[in-house]
C-alpha cells in the first residue's frame, strides 16, 4: 500500500464524517442493537447473552447490505460526475490508488458503525443478561464485518465500472435484489429446467455450490457455526426448493462427507471471493475508461 492509498482512504473517511453519513449509519445500527436486546429482555422466555448476540444477525442481514451499498455506490462515479476525478488524478494518486483508497475509506466507515453496534451489544448483554461472551462477540463481529465488506466491495466495484449515478444505482439495486429476492429463481429455475423438478434436499453438487456462494447464506452459515444457533437466511422463497431444505447448509444437504467447497468454513472463502472479484472488475474498467 502506498501513502497515496492511505491519503485517499483518510479523505474518504473524513468526508463521510462531515456528511453525517458515518454517524447516521452508526445511529441506525446502534438503534437496531438496542431495540433488539430490549425486546429479548422483555420476552417471556429466558435468553442467554449468546442467543441475544445471534439475534442481531436477523436485522443485520437486511440493514447492513443496504447501508454498505449506499455508503459505497457513489464513491468513484460521484467524482467522475462532478469532474473532481480529473483534479484528483492530476495529483500524485493514480487510478489504482483511487480505487483502493476509496475501498479502504468506505470499509472504515462500515467498520466503525459495526464496532459501535457490537460494543453496545456487549454492554447490554452484560447488563441485561449477566454475561459478556467476548469470544463469540469478537468472532461474530469479524464475520459481520466481512459480510458488510462484501457489499461495500460490490458498491465500489460498480462505482468504478460505470460513468453515471443512474447506472451505479441500477447495478447495486439489481445486485441486492438478485442476492436477496431472485437467488432461488436464478439457481433453482435452471435446476427445474434441467431435471424436470425443483432441487430436492440432496440436490446436485453444482447447485449446492451456487447456494454456498450466496452472501446471505454464507453469513448465516458462518454465524451458526460460531454461535451454534439456527439463524435462518432472510431470502425470498418461491416454492421451487424442497421445504425440508429450508435452513440447511449445503454441507448438510450433501450425502456423505461434503467436499471442501461445500463445508461450512468454506463460506468464508465465498465471502472473500465476493470481496475481491467486484473490485477487480471495477478496477479493470476504471483503468481503461476515458475520463
Foldseek 3Di string as FASTA:
>chain_A
DDPLLQVLLVVLQVVCVVVCLLVVLLVVLQVLLVVLLVVQLPDPDDDALLRSVLVSLVVLLPPLLVSLLVLAQQQQLVCLVVVVVVVVCVDPDHLVSSLSSSLNNSLVSSLVSLVSNLVSSQVSNCVRRVDGPPVLSVQLSVLSSLLSSLSNLLSSLLNLQDNHSVSSVVSSVVVVCCLAEVVCCVQQVVVCVVPVAGAELQGDPVSLLSVLLRSQLLSQLSSCVRSVDQDFRRHHDDPRYDPVNGSPFSCRSHPDGDPPSRDNVVSSVSSVCSNPVSSVNSSVNNVPDDD
